[in-house]
Amino acid sequence: MRHETTLSVMGRQIYAISVSGQDPSATPLVLLHEGLGCVGMWHDFPEALSLATGRTVWAWDRWGYGKSSPLTRSVADSHYPTYEAEVMLPAVLDALGLSRVHLFGHSDGGTIALLFGALFPERAATILTEACHVYVDNLTRTGITEADTAFDEGLFREKLSRHHGENTEPAFRRWADTWLSSGHRTWDITHTISSVVAPTLVVQGDGDQYGSWGQVEAICQSVPGASAFKVRACRHVPHHERREELLTETVRFLGGRLD
């Protein structure tokens, strides 16, 4: 059963949900959403993930997304993933009383998970990234340019507004304007994530419109012991497009871990 709560974190209201697992003593899984995501856009994946793994699953709307407090500003900022990993994520985990977690991050959420793992190695039991970025490639810029055009045309804006409401415009603009800015072209966190020690699985669809397989190779070359899993005939969202395959691989990755 899904439980909803609103947390007060650093003066902001953060909307969160949890799905209780069969083993309440097991280290929980935390879902970190993409750059345009929120709890609502995971749909019923938290329930499916909890059922498959037996673990409690947490997810929340990051500041400026979904039902959480709006951004106080919305400007291009290459440092926002680092801010989320260094400041907001540990603050939310503290508010939930979670000292150590398994991280499952989609797209920007994967980037944040890796940065968190590098900064707080004692708190990340494992890291699973899905369609994650660690540098800027041409495919990413092309995909976001197309998303920017679709947003201006209105239909994409309407779809996002169903989940983000008044947060839609500022959340989209910060995401798109950051990735398309000239200053962001040199963004690269491959050196930073070399400090990650948690077991790491890097998942990517072979038809991902927002990132090349080079992203996976860069992560695996940077993070000691990281392994890759390619999802065939899949674009940017394996947890919806190839759910059963992803759940099977997630269970395999977590294996018989007791924590």
Protein backbone atom coordinates (compact mmCIF):
# COMPACT_ATOMS: atom_id res chain seq x y z
CA MET A 1 0.00 0.00 0.00
CA ARG A 2 1.23 3.48 -0.88
CA HIS A 3 1.61 6.02 1.93
CA GLU A 4 1.87 9.78 1.29
CA THR A 5 3.60 12.36 3.43
CA THR A 6 4.86 15.93 3.23
CA LEU A 7 8.28 16.67 4.70
CA SER A 8 9.62 20.01 5.86
CA VAL A 9 13.20 20.16 4.56
CA MET A 10 15.29 23.32 4.74
CA GLY A 11 12.18 25.47 4.78
CA ARG A 12 10.63 23.70 1.77
CA GLN A 13 7.73 21.29 1.54
CA ILE A 14 8.75 18.00 -0.06
CA TYR A 15 6.02 15.58 -1.18
CA ALA A 16 7.02 11.94 -0.63
CA ILE A 17 5.54 8.46 -0.85
CA SER A 18 6.52 5.06 0.45
CA VAL A 19 5.50 1.49 -0.36
CA SER A 20 6.08 -0.92 2.50
CA GLY A 21 8.06 -4.04 1.68
CA GLN A 22 7.68 -7.57 2.99
CA ASP A 23 10.89 -7.21 5.00
CA PRO A 24 10.74 -3.94 6.96
CA SER A 25 14.22 -4.55 8.40
CA ALA A 26 15.89 -4.58 4.97
CA THR A 27 17.68 -1.47 3.75
CA PRO A 28 15.12 0.45 1.66
CA LEU A 29 15.25 1.44 -1.98
CA VAL A 30 15.08 5.11 -2.91
CA LEU A 31 13.86 6.26 -6.34
CA LEU A 32 15.39 9.48 -7.72
CA HIS A 33 13.40 10.88 -10.64
CA GLU A 34 14.57 12.33 -13.94
CA GLY A 35 15.04 16.01 -14.84
CA LEU A 36 11.36 16.41 -15.74
CA GLY A 37 10.03 13.69 -13.45
CA CYS A 38 8.17 13.42 -10.16
CA VAL A 39 6.42 10.80 -8.05
CA GLY A 40 3.40 10.76 -10.35
CA MET A 41 5.52 9.93 -13.39
CA TRP A 42 6.84 6.74 -11.77
CA HIS A 43 3.18 5.55 -11.99
CA ASP A 44 2.96 2.15 -10.25
CA PHE A 45 6.66 1.32 -10.54
CA PRO A 46 7.31 1.86 -6.79
CA GLU A 47 4.75 -0.86 -6.02
CA ALA A 48 6.20 -3.20 -8.65
CA LEU A 49 9.74 -2.64 -7.37
CA SER A 50 8.74 -3.25 -3.75
CA LEU A 51 6.90 -6.44 -4.67
CA ALA A 52 9.83 -7.76 -6.71
CA THR A 53 12.52 -7.00 -4.11
CA GLY A 54 10.60 -7.31 -0.84
CA ARG A 55 12.01 -3.94 0.23
CA THR A 56 10.32 -0.71 1.23
CA VAL A 57 10.53 1.84 -1.59
CA TRP A 58 10.64 5.62 -1.12
CA ALA A 59 10.19 8.33 -3.75
CA TRP A 60 9.65 12.07 -3.61
CA ASP A 61 9.26 15.15 -5.74
CA ARG A 62 12.50 17.11 -5.68
CA TRP A 63 12.33 20.79 -4.83
CA GLY A 64 10.60 22.56 -7.73
CA TYR A 65 8.83 19.46 -9.09
CA GLY A 66 5.39 17.88 -8.78
CA LYS A 67 3.73 18.66 -5.47
CA SER A 68 6.84 20.01 -3.73
CA SER A 69 7.62 23.68 -3.10
CA PRO A 70 8.39 25.76 -6.21
CA LEU A 71 11.90 26.85 -7.13
CA THR A 72 12.86 30.28 -5.84
CA ARG A 73 14.66 30.87 -9.12
CA SER A 74 14.85 29.09 -12.45
CA VAL A 75 18.08 29.74 -14.31
CA ALA A 76 20.58 27.59 -16.17
CA ASP A 77 22.81 26.01 -13.55
CA SER A 78 25.30 23.21 -14.21
CA HIS A 79 25.70 22.71 -10.48
CA TYR A 80 22.12 21.71 -9.69
CA PRO A 81 22.83 17.92 -9.70
CA THR A 82 25.68 18.47 -7.24
CA TYR A 83 23.46 20.64 -5.01
CA GLU A 84 20.82 17.91 -5.03
CA ALA A 85 23.39 15.24 -4.12
CA GLU A 86 25.34 17.23 -1.56
CA VAL A 87 22.56 19.18 0.18
CA MET A 88 18.99 18.13 -0.62
CA LEU A 89 19.27 14.33 -0.83
CA PRO A 90 21.01 13.88 2.55
CA ALA A 91 18.57 16.35 4.11
CA VAL A 92 15.55 14.41 2.83
CA LEU A 93 17.05 11.09 3.94
CA ASP A 94 17.68 12.59 7.38
CA ALA A 95 14.06 13.80 7.54
CA LEU A 96 12.94 10.25 6.76
CA GLY A 97 15.33 8.72 9.28
CA LEU A 98 17.18 6.77 6.59
CA SER A 99 20.90 6.44 7.24
CA ARG A 100 21.75 3.97 4.44
CA VAL A 101 19.83 3.19 1.25
CA HIS A 102 19.89 1.46 -2.11
CA LEU A 103 19.63 4.15 -4.81
CA PHE A 104 17.74 3.78 -8.09
CA GLY A 105 18.18 6.92 -10.20
CA HIS A 106 16.63 7.65 -13.58
CA SER A 107 18.42 10.11 -15.91
CA ASP A 108 19.23 13.19 -13.75
CA GLY A 109 18.34 11.01 -10.77
CA GLY A 110 21.12 8.63 -11.77
CA THR A 111 23.59 11.50 -11.96
CA ILE A 112 22.53 12.60 -8.48
CA ALA A 113 22.84 9.03 -7.16
CA LEU A 114 26.43 8.72 -8.43
CA LEU A 115 27.42 12.11 -6.99
CA PHE A 116 25.82 11.18 -3.66
CA GLY A 117 27.67 7.88 -3.66
CA ALA A 118 30.96 9.72 -4.19
CA LEU A 119 30.23 12.28 -1.46
CA PHE A 120 28.64 9.95 1.13
CA PRO A 121 29.98 6.44 0.48
CA GLU A 122 28.81 5.19 3.87
CA ARG A 123 25.17 5.97 3.02
CA ALA A 124 24.90 4.30 -0.42
CA ALA A 125 24.51 0.52 -0.14
CA THR A 126 24.22 0.10 -3.94
CA ILE A 127 23.56 2.36 -6.91
CA LEU A 128 21.49 1.52 -9.98
CA THR A 129 21.47 4.18 -12.69
CA GLU A 130 19.07 4.22 -15.59
CA ALA A 131 19.69 6.43 -18.67
CA CYS A 132 22.23 8.44 -16.67
CA HIS A 133 24.49 11.27 -17.89
CA VAL A 134 28.01 12.08 -16.67
CA TYR A 135 29.09 14.40 -19.48
CA VAL A 136 27.45 16.29 -22.35
CA ASP A 137 27.21 14.49 -25.68
CA ASN A 138 25.69 15.64 -28.96
CA LEU A 139 22.80 13.16 -28.77
CA THR A 140 21.74 14.63 -25.43
CA ARG A 141 21.73 18.19 -26.79
CA THR A 142 19.80 17.09 -29.88
CA GLY A 143 17.16 15.28 -27.81
CA ILE A 144 16.72 18.23 -25.46
CA THR A 145 16.50 20.67 -28.38
CA GLU A 146 13.62 18.59 -29.75
CA ALA A 147 11.98 18.51 -26.31
CA ASP A 148 12.35 22.30 -26.08
CA THR A 149 10.56 22.71 -29.41
CA ALA A 150 7.78 20.33 -28.35
CA PHE A 151 7.37 22.26 -25.08
CA ASP A 152 7.01 25.57 -26.95
CA GLU A 153 4.42 24.00 -29.25
CA GLY A 154 2.25 23.21 -26.24
CA LEU A 155 1.40 19.49 -26.20
CA PHE A 156 4.46 18.50 -24.19
CA ARG A 157 3.81 21.40 -21.82
CA GLU A 158 0.26 20.15 -21.28
CA LYS A 159 1.46 16.62 -20.51
CA LEU A 160 4.00 17.85 -17.97
CA SER A 161 1.53 20.25 -16.34
CA ARG A 162 -0.70 17.32 -15.32
CA HIS A 163 2.07 16.26 -12.96
CA HIS A 164 3.86 19.51 -12.11
CA GLY A 165 1.11 22.14 -12.12
CA GLU A 166 2.58 25.57 -11.41
CA ASN A 167 6.06 24.02 -11.24
CA THR A 168 5.95 23.08 -14.94
CA GLU A 169 7.49 26.15 -16.57
CA PRO A 170 10.35 26.80 -14.11
CA ALA A 171 11.26 23.10 -13.84
CA PHE A 172 11.37 22.68 -17.61
CA ARG A 173 13.27 25.89 -18.23
CA ARG A 174 15.99 25.11 -15.70
CA TRP A 175 16.46 21.63 -17.19
CA ALA A 176 16.43 22.63 -20.85
CA ASP A 177 18.29 25.93 -20.48
CA THR A 178 21.04 24.26 -18.45
CA TRP A 179 21.66 21.47 -20.95
CA LEU A 180 21.50 23.77 -23.98
CA SER A 181 23.66 26.55 -22.53
CA SER A 182 27.13 27.09 -23.97
CA GLY A 183 28.63 27.00 -20.48
CA HIS A 184 27.32 23.48 -19.87
CA ARG A 185 29.16 21.94 -22.82
CA THR A 186 32.23 21.23 -20.68
CA TRP A 187 30.29 19.70 -17.75
CA ASP A 188 31.86 16.34 -16.87
CA ILE A 189 31.70 14.44 -13.56
CA THR A 190 33.65 11.34 -14.55
CA HIS A 191 36.56 12.26 -12.26
CA THR A 192 34.25 12.99 -9.31
CA ILE A 193 32.42 9.67 -9.48
CA SER A 194 35.66 7.71 -9.36
CA SER A 195 35.22 7.95 -5.56
CA VAL A 196 32.09 5.76 -5.65
CA VAL A 197 32.65 2.48 -3.80
CA ALA A 198 29.08 1.11 -3.78
CA PRO A 199 28.29 -1.78 -6.15
CA THR A 200 26.91 -0.04 -9.25
CA LEU A 201 24.74 -1.22 -12.14
CA VAL A 202 24.44 1.02 -15.19
CA VAL A 203 21.26 0.46 -17.24
CA GLN A 204 20.58 2.01 -20.64
CA GLY A 205 18.15 1.44 -23.48
CA ASP A 206 19.83 0.83 -26.81
CA GLY A 207 17.58 3.44 -28.44
CA ASP A 208 17.84 6.13 -25.76
CA GLN A 209 17.11 9.46 -27.45
CA TYR A 210 18.85 11.47 -24.73
CA GLY A 211 22.18 9.71 -24.32
CA SER A 212 24.66 7.52 -26.16
CA TRP A 213 26.20 4.24 -24.98
CA GLY A 214 29.31 6.31 -24.38
CA GLN A 215 27.70 7.49 -21.14
CA VAL A 216 27.59 3.90 -19.91
CA GLU A 217 31.20 3.28 -20.91
CA ALA A 218 32.31 6.47 -19.14
CA ILE A 219 30.58 5.44 -15.90
CA CYS A 220 31.99 1.91 -16.02
CA GLN A 221 35.49 3.26 -16.66
CA SER A 222 35.20 5.72 -13.77
CA VAL A 223 33.40 3.71 -11.07
CA PRO A 224 35.42 0.70 -9.83
CA GLY A 225 33.58 -2.55 -10.46
CA ALA A 226 30.54 -0.98 -12.15
CA SER A 227 28.70 -3.24 -14.59
CA ALA A 228 26.48 -2.42 -17.57
CA PHE A 229 23.11 -3.74 -18.68
CA LYS A 230 21.81 -2.89 -22.15
CA VAL A 231 18.03 -3.03 -22.63
CA ARG A 232 17.18 -3.93 -26.21
CA ALA A 233 14.50 -2.13 -28.23
CA CYS A 234 14.16 0.50 -25.50
CA ARG A 235 14.42 4.28 -25.36
CA HIS A 236 14.86 6.56 -22.33
CA VAL A 237 12.54 4.92 -19.78
CA PRO A 238 13.31 1.22 -19.25
CA HIS A 239 11.25 1.03 -16.05
CA HIS A 240 8.11 1.60 -18.16
CA GLU A 241 9.15 0.32 -21.59
CA ARG A 242 10.82 -2.92 -20.45
CA ARG A 243 9.65 -3.20 -16.86
CA GLU A 244 9.78 -6.95 -16.32
CA GLU A 245 13.25 -7.20 -17.81
CA LEU A 246 14.47 -4.36 -15.63
CA LEU A 247 12.89 -5.78 -12.48
CA THR A 248 14.52 -9.16 -13.13
CA GLU A 249 17.92 -7.51 -13.53
CA THR A 250 17.38 -5.37 -10.42
CA VAL A 251 16.59 -8.44 -8.32
CA ARG A 252 19.65 -10.19 -9.74
CA PHE A 253 21.82 -7.16 -8.96
CA LEU A 254 20.60 -6.91 -5.37
CA GLY A 255 21.02 -10.67 -5.10
CA GLY A 256 21.06 -12.06 -1.58
CA ARG A 257 22.15 -8.80 0.05
CA LEU A 258 21.13 -8.78 3.69
CA ASP A 259 21.40 -5.02 4.10
